[in-house]
C-alpha cells in the first residue's frame, strides 16, 4: 500500500455506533486495531484510552431497539492503525 494521505490522529474515545457523539467517520474509514491488556481484540464496539475501558457485545443478547447489549471491560487499552 502506498497511501499518500496520512490518517487523522486517533481520538481518546471512539465508537462504531453512528448515533454516538464519539463516532468519527474520518477515523473509522481506516483500518484500526485495538490492544486490550496486550492482546488484540477484534470485537470492540467502543473504547476510551484515558479511562482504560472497552465495550464489547455480550453474546447474542439484544436491547429493545435491536442493538447488541454491551459490557464494559477495564484494563490497558491501546489503539493503532493497521
Protein backbone atom coordinates (compact mmCIF):
# COMPACT_ATOMS: atom_id res chain seq x y z
CA UNK A 1 0.00 0.00 0.00
CA UNK A 2 1.31 3.35 -0.98
CA UNK A 3 -1.03 5.87 0.62
CA UNK A 4 -0.06 9.50 0.20
CA UNK A 5 -2.66 10.67 2.72
CA UNK A 6 -1.91 10.43 6.39
CA UNK A 7 -4.69 9.16 8.63
CA UNK A 8 -6.14 11.54 11.22
CA UNK A 9 -4.86 11.16 14.79
CA UNK A 10 -6.71 8.57 16.84
CA UNK A 11 -9.10 10.13 19.37
CA UNK A 12 -9.06 9.24 23.05
CA UNK A 13 -12.57 7.81 22.75
CA UNK A 14 -14.14 6.24 19.66
CA UNK A 15 -17.39 4.40 18.92
CA UNK A 16 -18.59 2.48 15.86
CA UNK A 17 -22.24 3.42 16.59
CA UNK A 18 -23.27 6.24 14.21
CA UNK A 19 -25.67 7.67 16.84
CA UNK A 20 -22.88 8.10 19.41
CA UNK A 21 -21.26 11.52 19.92
CA UNK A 22 -17.89 9.71 19.81
CA UNK A 23 -18.40 8.39 16.28
CA UNK A 24 -15.71 9.89 13.98
CA UNK A 25 -16.23 8.77 10.39
CA UNK A 26 -12.86 10.03 9.02
CA UNK A 27 -11.04 7.86 11.58
CA UNK A 28 -13.27 4.82 11.04
CA UNK A 29 -12.60 4.84 7.30
CA UNK A 30 -9.12 3.48 8.11
CA UNK A 31 -8.33 0.03 9.50
CA UNK A 32 -7.97 0.40 13.28
CA UNK A 33 -6.63 -2.15 15.73
CA UNK A 34 -7.29 -2.28 19.49
CA UNK A 35 -5.00 -3.95 22.00
CA UNK A 36 -6.62 -4.71 25.35
CA UNK A 37 -4.27 -5.93 28.09
CA UNK A 38 -1.58 -6.61 25.42
CA UNK A 39 -3.91 -8.82 23.34
CA UNK A 40 -5.50 -7.66 20.08
CA UNK A 41 -9.32 -7.64 20.15
CA UNK A 42 -11.47 -7.69 17.03
CA UNK A 43 -14.89 -7.27 18.68
CA UNK A 44 -14.57 -3.79 20.22
CA UNK A 45 -17.61 -1.51 19.78
CA UNK A 46 -16.27 1.48 21.74
CA UNK A 47 -13.09 2.35 23.61
CA UNK A 48 -11.60 5.03 25.87
CA UNK A 49 -7.83 5.11 26.30
CA UNK A 50 -7.60 7.62 29.16
CA UNK A 51 -10.19 5.84 31.31
CA UNK A 52 -8.91 2.37 30.35
CA UNK A 53 -12.02 0.55 29.13
CA UNK A 54 -13.58 -1.07 26.08
CA UNK A 55 -17.15 -2.10 25.34
CA UNK A 56 -17.87 -5.41 23.61
CA UNK A 57 -21.05 -7.29 22.71
CA UNK A 58 -22.40 -9.55 25.47
CA UNK A 59 -23.11 -12.72 23.50
CA UNK A 60 -26.17 -12.71 21.26
CA UNK A 61 -28.43 -10.68 23.56
CA UNK A 62 -30.06 -7.57 22.11
CA UNK A 63 -31.58 -4.48 23.68
CA UNK A 64 -35.15 -3.38 22.93
CA UNK A 65 -34.00 -1.44 19.86
CA UNK A 66 -32.28 -4.48 18.33
CA UNK A 67 -28.70 -3.43 19.05
CA UNK A 68 -26.31 -5.77 20.86
CA UNK A 69 -26.05 -5.47 24.64
CA UNK A 70 -22.59 -4.19 25.58
CA UNK A 71 -20.41 -4.95 28.57
CA UNK A 72 -17.59 -2.73 29.77
CA UNK A 73 -14.17 -4.30 30.39
CA UNK A 74 -11.45 -2.34 32.18
CA UNK A 75 -7.72 -2.65 31.59
CA UNK A 76 -4.88 -1.29 29.47
CA UNK A 77 -6.14 -0.01 26.10
CA UNK A 78 -4.02 0.82 23.04
CA UNK A 79 -5.35 1.93 19.65
CA UNK A 80 -3.33 1.86 16.44
CA UNK A 81 -3.68 1.95 12.66
CA UNK A 82 -3.03 -1.37 10.94
